[in-house]
């Protein structure tokens, strides 16, 4: 259609949203479908956070706010960065957006010129490359180690060019759940120290969702030399079960934060005032529910990993964090599904799995790495057990 912008030809719709919508359509049509596509905790938002939002409404805090966040929320974010990450940010170094996605996009729009490159390790969150493309940059995809889903320092070093502007770094990772140890992160940062023109955009959205005594660290924390060229992005969506509230935030150099606010002022303006007051309570209030939720997530992770590794042709490593597993379905390639279709790749695998067994997962090639698929285990344990039973049955019936 000639009326639409040519730039749209450079990007694809979100694969995770597409899978969720397909599962919803099949359910509406009466199919028994278990949707494991959405990256969204099934826990309710904690009561103290909901009450803070209600109190904000009753107090009339329903007007426009400062474009990139109320002072009280910036203060809470600064306290969080200091308390949990040992990072010091002033108010003019903090921005608040409508979810982490907007914060990332604002930074890209504010900094990228045509020809600028952004390094993105695989497997990556589906939106990273398309956001770079929409902002006028060029994604440079660097394949991570297939066993660990982590990028090797030498691979990162080889990918950096004179046109590299950003490296996007996500740990724990969506889609793999892989998380970098402090030693691994220091090795990555050692490479970045050698290239002073390269900035780091670190997506820490799953910071609190780590298991087995894993210790989370972030680049500006382990390599203070990178502080002045790091944007540390986070939000309340995952750990606080606040996906629909749409609050993300970041700390970074004041000039970058000011430029990002300029972008936001001409796009959405301020995030929802009520959600901002809820986020103040999320960050300042009790954190006791986080380890309790993590116990549930860990049990689900262990269940899913165990059951998937019992499925014929599937191998599933144990991730350190987030609420995803990213198993390989390489052992099913070339086999024939009950429909008669030969499975040629991971996209065929997930399509046939949905059609045959009513289990909706996302194909790994959407995240830049196949033949794998992503399962979100942020759903009821009973549903996960049933879904994994169906996956075992599906794999067992391949010829």
Protein backbone atom coordinates (compact mmCIF):
# COMPACT_ATOMS: atom_id res chain seq x y z
CA UNK A 1 0.00 0.00 0.00
CA UNK A 2 1.69 3.16 -1.24
CA UNK A 3 0.20 5.34 1.48
CA UNK A 4 2.19 3.65 4.26
CA UNK A 5 5.74 4.61 5.23
CA UNK A 6 8.59 2.68 3.59
CA UNK A 7 10.18 2.35 7.04
CA UNK A 8 7.51 -0.18 7.98
CA UNK A 9 8.95 -2.55 5.39
CA UNK A 10 12.06 -2.77 7.58
CA UNK A 11 10.26 -4.13 10.65
CA UNK A 12 8.14 -7.11 11.64
CA UNK A 13 5.22 -7.34 14.08
CA UNK A 14 6.11 -8.81 17.47
CA UNK A 15 6.19 -12.62 17.23
CA UNK A 16 5.34 -13.04 20.91
CA UNK A 17 2.24 -10.88 20.57
CA UNK A 18 1.28 -12.78 17.39
CA UNK A 19 1.46 -16.13 19.20
CA UNK A 20 -0.59 -14.79 22.12
CA UNK A 21 -3.23 -13.45 19.73
CA UNK A 22 -3.36 -16.76 17.81
CA UNK A 23 -3.87 -18.69 21.06
CA UNK A 24 -6.61 -16.25 22.07
CA UNK A 25 -8.38 -16.71 18.72
CA UNK A 26 -8.26 -20.49 18.98
CA UNK A 27 -9.63 -20.37 22.52
CA UNK A 28 -12.46 -18.12 21.35
CA UNK A 29 -13.23 -20.69 18.67
CA UNK A 30 -13.59 -23.37 21.33
CA UNK A 31 -10.17 -25.02 21.12
CA UNK A 32 -8.47 -26.25 24.29
CA UNK A 33 -5.33 -24.13 24.11
CA UNK A 34 -2.58 -23.58 26.69
CA UNK A 35 -0.80 -20.32 25.91
CA UNK A 36 2.85 -20.21 26.95
CA UNK A 37 3.80 -17.28 24.75
CA UNK A 38 3.31 -14.24 26.94
CA UNK A 39 6.09 -12.94 29.16
CA UNK A 40 3.80 -11.95 31.96
CA UNK A 41 3.67 -13.14 35.60
CA UNK A 42 0.39 -14.79 36.55
CA UNK A 43 0.64 -13.33 40.07
CA UNK A 44 -1.62 -10.40 40.93
CA UNK A 45 -0.10 -6.99 41.65
CA UNK A 46 0.62 -6.85 45.40
CA UNK A 47 -2.13 -5.28 47.51
CA UNK A 48 -0.03 -2.41 48.89
CA UNK A 49 0.76 -1.28 45.34
CA UNK A 50 -2.90 -1.43 44.29
CA UNK A 51 -3.89 0.55 47.37
CA UNK A 52 -1.31 3.22 46.56
CA UNK A 53 -2.90 3.63 43.13
CA UNK A 54 -6.38 3.89 44.65
CA UNK A 55 -5.12 6.47 47.14
CA UNK A 56 -3.61 8.48 44.27
CA UNK A 57 -6.96 8.48 42.46
CA UNK A 58 -8.81 9.53 45.61
CA UNK A 59 -6.28 12.31 46.19
CA UNK A 60 -6.86 13.68 42.69
CA UNK A 61 -3.38 12.79 41.41
CA UNK A 62 -4.83 12.29 37.96
CA UNK A 63 -3.39 15.26 36.05
CA UNK A 64 -0.47 15.64 33.68
CA UNK A 65 2.91 15.19 35.34
CA UNK A 66 6.45 16.12 34.38
CA UNK A 67 7.16 14.56 30.99
CA UNK A 68 9.59 11.91 32.22
CA UNK A 69 8.37 11.22 35.74
CA UNK A 70 7.23 12.75 39.01
CA UNK A 71 9.99 13.79 41.45
CA UNK A 72 8.81 11.25 44.03
CA UNK A 73 9.24 8.36 41.58
CA UNK A 74 12.65 9.58 40.43
CA UNK A 75 13.66 9.74 44.08
CA UNK A 76 12.45 6.15 44.61
CA UNK A 77 14.33 4.99 41.51
CA UNK A 78 17.53 6.73 42.64
CA UNK A 79 17.20 5.03 46.04
CA UNK A 80 16.67 1.65 44.35
CA UNK A 81 19.75 2.05 42.14
CA UNK A 82 21.86 2.99 45.17
CA UNK A 83 20.45 0.29 47.46
CA UNK A 84 20.48 -2.63 45.04
CA UNK A 85 23.13 -1.80 42.46
CA UNK A 86 25.51 0.61 44.17
CA UNK A 87 24.82 3.18 41.43
CA UNK A 88 24.39 6.88 42.14
CA UNK A 89 22.05 8.86 39.89
CA UNK A 90 20.72 12.39 40.40
CA UNK A 91 17.16 13.30 39.40
CA UNK A 92 18.33 14.72 36.05
CA UNK A 93 19.96 11.36 35.30
CA UNK A 94 16.71 9.40 35.61
CA UNK A 95 13.87 9.01 33.14
CA UNK A 96 10.49 7.29 33.47
CA UNK A 97 8.59 5.99 30.44
CA UNK A 98 5.53 4.01 29.50
CA UNK A 99 7.20 0.65 30.04
CA UNK A 100 10.78 -0.41 29.49
CA UNK A 101 10.14 -0.69 25.75
CA UNK A 102 9.49 3.03 25.42
CA UNK A 103 12.61 3.87 27.43
CA UNK A 104 14.75 1.72 25.12
CA UNK A 105 13.11 3.17 22.02
CA UNK A 106 13.50 6.76 23.25
CA UNK A 107 17.24 6.17 23.69
CA UNK A 108 17.61 4.75 20.20
CA UNK A 109 15.61 7.55 18.56
CA UNK A 110 17.59 10.15 20.51
CA UNK A 111 21.00 8.80 19.47
CA UNK A 112 20.94 6.91 16.16
CA UNK A 113 21.86 8.40 12.80
CA UNK A 114 21.63 6.55 9.46
CA UNK A 115 24.40 3.98 9.29
CA UNK A 116 24.93 3.77 13.05
CA UNK A 117 25.24 0.17 14.23
CA UNK A 118 23.77 -1.48 17.32
CA UNK A 119 25.19 -4.82 18.43
CA UNK A 120 22.54 -7.29 19.57
CA UNK A 121 23.55 -10.75 20.87
CA UNK A 122 21.36 -13.73 20.02
CA UNK A 123 19.02 -14.96 21.20
CA UNK A 124 17.47 -11.52 21.61
CA UNK A 125 14.15 -10.06 22.70
CA UNK A 126 12.14 -9.82 19.50
CA UNK A 127 11.77 -6.03 19.66
CA UNK A 128 15.45 -5.02 19.79
CA UNK A 129 16.32 -5.29 16.06
CA UNK A 130 13.05 -3.75 14.91
CA UNK A 131 13.35 -0.82 17.31
CA UNK A 132 16.84 -0.17 15.96
CA UNK A 133 15.54 -0.29 12.39
CA UNK A 134 12.63 2.02 13.16
CA UNK A 135 15.08 4.49 14.75
CA UNK A 136 17.15 4.51 11.55
CA UNK A 137 20.04 2.35 12.74
CA UNK A 138 21.45 -0.99 11.63
CA UNK A 139 21.25 -4.02 13.92
CA UNK A 140 24.40 -6.13 14.00
CA UNK A 141 23.48 -9.60 15.20
CA UNK A 142 26.17 -11.51 17.08
CA UNK A 143 25.51 -15.17 17.79
CA UNK A 144 25.97 -16.24 21.39
CA UNK A 145 27.34 -19.60 22.47
CA UNK A 146 24.59 -22.12 21.72
CA UNK A 147 25.23 -24.09 24.90
CA UNK A 148 25.05 -21.14 27.30
CA UNK A 149 23.18 -18.50 25.24
CA UNK A 150 25.86 -16.01 26.33
CA UNK A 151 28.03 -13.91 24.05
CA UNK A 152 31.78 -14.56 24.15
CA UNK A 153 34.02 -11.52 24.73
CA UNK A 154 36.01 -12.23 21.55
CA UNK A 155 32.80 -12.38 19.48
CA UNK A 156 31.74 -9.01 20.85
CA UNK A 157 35.19 -7.54 20.15
CA UNK A 158 35.10 -8.78 16.55
CA UNK A 159 31.65 -7.26 15.95
CA UNK A 160 32.57 -3.74 17.06
CA UNK A 161 33.31 -1.32 14.22
CA UNK A 162 33.87 2.41 13.90
CA UNK A 163 30.12 2.75 13.29
CA UNK A 164 29.07 0.89 16.46
CA UNK A 165 27.09 3.20 18.72
CA UNK A 166 25.43 0.83 21.20
CA UNK A 167 25.63 -2.70 22.52
CA UNK A 168 22.29 -3.92 23.88
CA UNK A 169 22.84 -6.22 26.83
CA UNK A 170 20.06 -8.23 28.51
CA UNK A 171 20.69 -10.36 31.63
CA UNK A 172 18.76 -12.35 32.76
CA UNK A 173 17.72 -12.82 29.19
CA UNK A 174 14.44 -12.91 27.37
CA UNK A 175 14.12 -15.46 25.72
CA UNK A 176 16.74 -17.81 27.21
CA UNK A 177 16.73 -16.97 30.93
CA UNK A 178 20.54 -17.02 30.76
CA UNK A 179 22.26 -14.65 33.18
CA UNK A 180 25.89 -13.55 33.26
CA UNK A 181 27.92 -14.15 36.39
CA UNK A 182 29.94 -11.23 37.73
CA UNK A 183 33.12 -12.72 36.25
CA UNK A 184 31.48 -13.21 32.84
CA UNK A 185 30.13 -9.67 32.92
CA UNK A 186 33.55 -8.24 33.81
CA UNK A 187 35.03 -10.03 30.79
CA UNK A 188 32.41 -8.44 28.53
CA UNK A 189 33.01 -5.02 30.09
CA UNK A 190 36.76 -5.40 29.58
CA UNK A 191 36.09 -5.49 25.83
CA UNK A 192 33.84 -2.43 26.03
CA UNK A 193 36.48 -0.47 27.94
CA UNK A 194 38.76 -0.80 24.89
CA UNK A 195 36.21 0.94 22.64
CA UNK A 196 35.37 4.36 24.14
CA UNK A 197 32.97 5.27 21.30
CA UNK A 198 30.63 2.36 22.17
CA UNK A 199 27.78 2.86 24.63
CA UNK A 200 26.01 0.17 26.64
CA UNK A 201 22.23 -0.17 26.84
CA UNK A 202 21.57 -2.70 29.56
CA UNK A 203 18.08 -4.17 29.92
CA UNK A 204 17.81 -5.32 33.54
CA UNK A 205 14.06 -5.97 33.53
CA UNK A 206 14.47 -9.47 35.03
CA UNK A 207 16.99 -8.42 37.69
CA UNK A 208 15.05 -9.83 40.64
CA UNK A 209 14.06 -13.07 38.94
CA UNK A 210 17.16 -15.19 39.58
CA UNK A 211 17.50 -18.62 41.17
CA UNK A 212 19.93 -21.01 42.89
CA UNK A 213 21.71 -18.22 44.81
CA UNK A 214 22.67 -16.45 41.58
CA UNK A 215 24.03 -12.94 42.22
CA UNK A 216 22.79 -10.28 39.79
CA UNK A 217 25.17 -7.56 38.63
CA UNK A 218 24.89 -4.86 35.96
CA UNK A 219 27.62 -3.34 33.73
CA UNK A 220 27.93 0.12 35.32
CA UNK A 221 28.21 -1.63 38.69
CA UNK A 222 31.05 -4.04 37.84
CA UNK A 223 32.85 -1.58 35.52
CA UNK A 224 32.55 1.97 36.92
CA UNK A 225 34.65 3.15 33.96
CA UNK A 226 31.57 2.53 31.77
CA UNK A 227 29.21 4.56 33.97
CA UNK A 228 29.36 7.66 31.73
CA UNK A 229 28.33 5.70 28.65
CA UNK A 230 25.84 3.25 30.10
CA UNK A 231 22.05 3.50 30.12
CA UNK A 232 20.78 1.17 32.86
CA UNK A 233 17.17 0.27 32.00
CA UNK A 234 14.73 -1.42 34.35
CA UNK A 235 11.05 -1.34 35.30
CA UNK A 236 8.35 -2.65 37.59
CA UNK A 237 6.60 -4.97 35.14
CA UNK A 238 8.09 -8.37 35.91
CA UNK A 239 9.24 -8.54 39.54
CA UNK A 240 6.26 -6.55 40.79
CA UNK A 241 3.62 -8.20 38.53
CA UNK A 242 2.76 -4.79 37.04
CA UNK A 243 2.89 -5.49 33.29
CA UNK A 244 -0.30 -3.57 32.54
CA UNK A 245 0.70 -0.54 34.60
CA UNK A 246 3.34 0.35 31.98
CA UNK A 247 6.19 1.88 33.96
CA UNK A 248 9.82 1.55 32.90
CA UNK A 249 12.76 3.67 33.93
CA UNK A 250 16.47 4.23 33.36
CA UNK A 251 19.52 5.90 34.80
CA UNK A 252 22.22 7.40 32.60
CA UNK A 253 24.22 10.47 31.61
CA UNK A 254 22.24 13.70 32.06
CA UNK A 255 22.61 14.81 28.42
CA UNK A 256 21.23 11.51 27.15
CA UNK A 257 18.36 11.57 29.66
CA UNK A 258 17.48 15.12 28.57
CA UNK A 259 17.45 14.06 24.91
CA UNK A 260 15.23 11.08 25.72
CA UNK A 261 12.79 13.39 27.52
CA UNK A 262 12.69 15.55 24.39
CA UNK A 263 11.66 12.51 22.33
CA UNK A 264 9.03 11.52 24.89
CA UNK A 265 7.65 15.08 25.07
CA UNK A 266 6.70 14.86 21.39
CA UNK A 267 5.39 11.29 21.45
CA UNK A 268 3.47 10.22 24.55
CA UNK A 269 4.34 12.89 27.13
CA UNK A 270 4.14 11.62 30.72
CA UNK A 271 3.45 8.03 31.76
CA UNK A 272 0.15 7.45 33.58
CA UNK A 273 0.13 9.50 36.79
CA UNK A 274 -1.64 6.77 38.77
CA UNK A 275 0.84 4.11 37.64
CA UNK A 276 3.70 6.36 38.69
CA UNK A 277 2.37 6.63 42.25
CA UNK A 278 1.87 2.85 42.31
CA UNK A 279 5.50 2.43 41.21
CA UNK A 280 6.67 4.68 44.06
CA UNK A 281 5.09 2.22 46.49
CA UNK A 282 6.48 -0.76 44.55
CA UNK A 283 10.05 0.47 44.90
CA UNK A 284 9.78 1.95 48.40
CA UNK A 285 7.42 -0.60 49.97
CA UNK A 286 7.91 -4.15 51.20
CA UNK A 287 9.88 -6.44 48.87
CA UNK A 288 8.98 -9.57 50.83
CA UNK A 289 6.81 -11.06 48.11
CA UNK A 290 9.65 -11.21 45.55
CA UNK A 291 11.54 -14.19 47.10
CA UNK A 292 8.20 -15.94 47.72
CA UNK A 293 7.21 -15.56 44.06
CA UNK A 294 10.69 -16.69 43.02
CA UNK A 295 10.27 -19.92 44.94
CA UNK A 296 7.21 -20.65 42.82
CA UNK A 297 8.99 -19.66 39.61
CA UNK A 298 11.97 -21.87 40.48
CA UNK A 299 9.73 -24.88 41.12
CA UNK A 300 8.02 -24.27 37.79
CA UNK A 301 11.36 -23.90 36.02
CA UNK A 302 12.58 -27.20 37.44
CA UNK A 303 9.33 -28.94 36.46
CA UNK A 304 9.43 -27.64 32.89
CA UNK A 305 13.14 -28.39 32.37
CA UNK A 306 12.71 -31.92 33.69
CA UNK A 307 9.62 -32.71 31.61
CA UNK A 308 10.98 -31.18 28.40
CA UNK A 309 14.18 -33.18 28.68
CA UNK A 310 12.00 -36.29 28.75
CA UNK A 311 10.43 -35.33 25.41
CA UNK A 312 11.90 -37.18 22.42
CA UNK A 313 14.12 -34.86 20.38
CA UNK A 314 14.09 -31.98 22.89
CA UNK A 315 17.02 -30.75 24.98
CA UNK A 316 16.46 -28.01 27.55
CA UNK A 317 19.22 -26.32 29.57
CA UNK A 318 18.47 -24.93 33.03
CA UNK A 319 18.37 -21.11 32.95
CA UNK A 320 19.69 -18.90 35.75
CA UNK A 321 16.86 -16.37 35.72
CA UNK A 322 13.76 -14.74 34.19
CA UNK A 323 10.75 -17.02 33.64
CA UNK A 324 11.59 -18.58 30.29
CA UNK A 325 13.21 -21.74 28.99
CA UNK A 326 14.66 -21.92 25.48
CA UNK A 327 14.89 -25.60 24.54
CA UNK A 328 16.29 -26.96 21.29
CA UNK A 329 13.98 -28.97 19.05
CA UNK A 330 16.83 -30.02 16.75
CA UNK A 331 16.03 -33.66 17.39
CA UNK A 332 12.59 -33.26 15.77
CA UNK A 333 13.81 -31.70 12.51
CA UNK A 334 13.15 -33.94 9.53
CA UNK A 335 10.49 -35.95 11.29
CA UNK A 336 6.84 -36.07 10.24
CA UNK A 337 4.00 -34.59 12.30
CA UNK A 338 0.57 -36.28 12.65
CA UNK A 339 -0.73 -33.88 9.98
CA UNK A 340 1.71 -35.40 7.48
CA UNK A 341 3.90 -32.29 7.38
CA UNK A 342 7.64 -32.78 7.66
CA UNK A 343 9.14 -30.49 10.31
CA UNK A 344 11.82 -28.49 8.55
CA UNK A 345 12.57 -25.88 11.23
CA UNK A 346 11.50 -24.51 14.61
CA UNK A 347 8.65 -22.51 13.09
CA UNK A 348 7.16 -25.71 11.68
CA UNK A 349 7.60 -27.35 15.09
CA UNK A 350 5.65 -24.69 16.99
CA UNK A 351 2.95 -24.48 14.30
CA UNK A 352 2.35 -28.23 14.34
CA UNK A 353 2.47 -28.31 18.14
CA UNK A 354 -0.26 -25.68 18.32
CA UNK A 355 -2.43 -27.35 15.69
CA UNK A 356 -2.01 -30.90 17.06
CA UNK A 357 -1.87 -30.41 20.84
CA UNK A 358 -3.10 -26.86 21.44
CA UNK A 359 0.13 -25.65 23.07
CA UNK A 360 1.20 -22.15 22.03
CA UNK A 361 4.95 -21.39 22.25
CA UNK A 362 7.18 -19.03 20.26
CA UNK A 363 9.66 -20.25 17.64
CA UNK A 364 13.28 -19.52 18.42
CA UNK A 365 14.11 -17.98 15.03
CA UNK A 366 11.91 -15.02 16.05
CA UNK A 367 14.59 -14.40 18.71
CA UNK A 368 17.41 -14.88 16.21
CA UNK A 369 18.35 -18.43 17.16
CA UNK A 370 16.92 -21.72 16.01
CA UNK A 371 16.02 -24.53 16.04
CA UNK A 372 14.73 -23.58 19.48
CA UNK A 373 11.48 -22.40 21.00
CA UNK A 374 10.59 -20.27 23.99
CA UNK A 375 8.26 -21.27 26.78
CA UNK A 376 7.15 -18.79 29.43
CA UNK A 377 6.62 -20.63 32.71
CA UNK A 378 4.93 -17.61 34.29
CA UNK A 379 1.64 -19.45 34.36
CA UNK A 380 -0.21 -21.89 36.61
CA UNK A 381 1.80 -24.98 37.54
CA UNK A 382 -1.05 -27.31 36.54
CA UNK A 383 -1.21 -25.74 33.08
CA UNK A 384 2.55 -26.10 32.68
CA UNK A 385 2.44 -29.76 33.64
CA UNK A 386 -0.36 -30.43 31.17
CA UNK A 387 1.42 -28.46 28.42
CA UNK A 388 4.65 -30.40 28.92
CA UNK A 389 2.71 -33.68 28.88
CA UNK A 390 1.24 -32.63 25.53
CA UNK A 391 4.70 -31.69 24.20
CA UNK A 392 6.00 -35.13 25.24
CA UNK A 393 3.06 -36.75 23.46
CA UNK A 394 3.54 -34.63 20.34
CA UNK A 395 7.24 -35.46 20.13
CA UNK A 396 6.57 -39.14 20.79
CA UNK A 397 4.10 -39.25 17.90
CA UNK A 398 6.51 -37.80 15.34
CA UNK A 399 7.57 -40.33 12.74
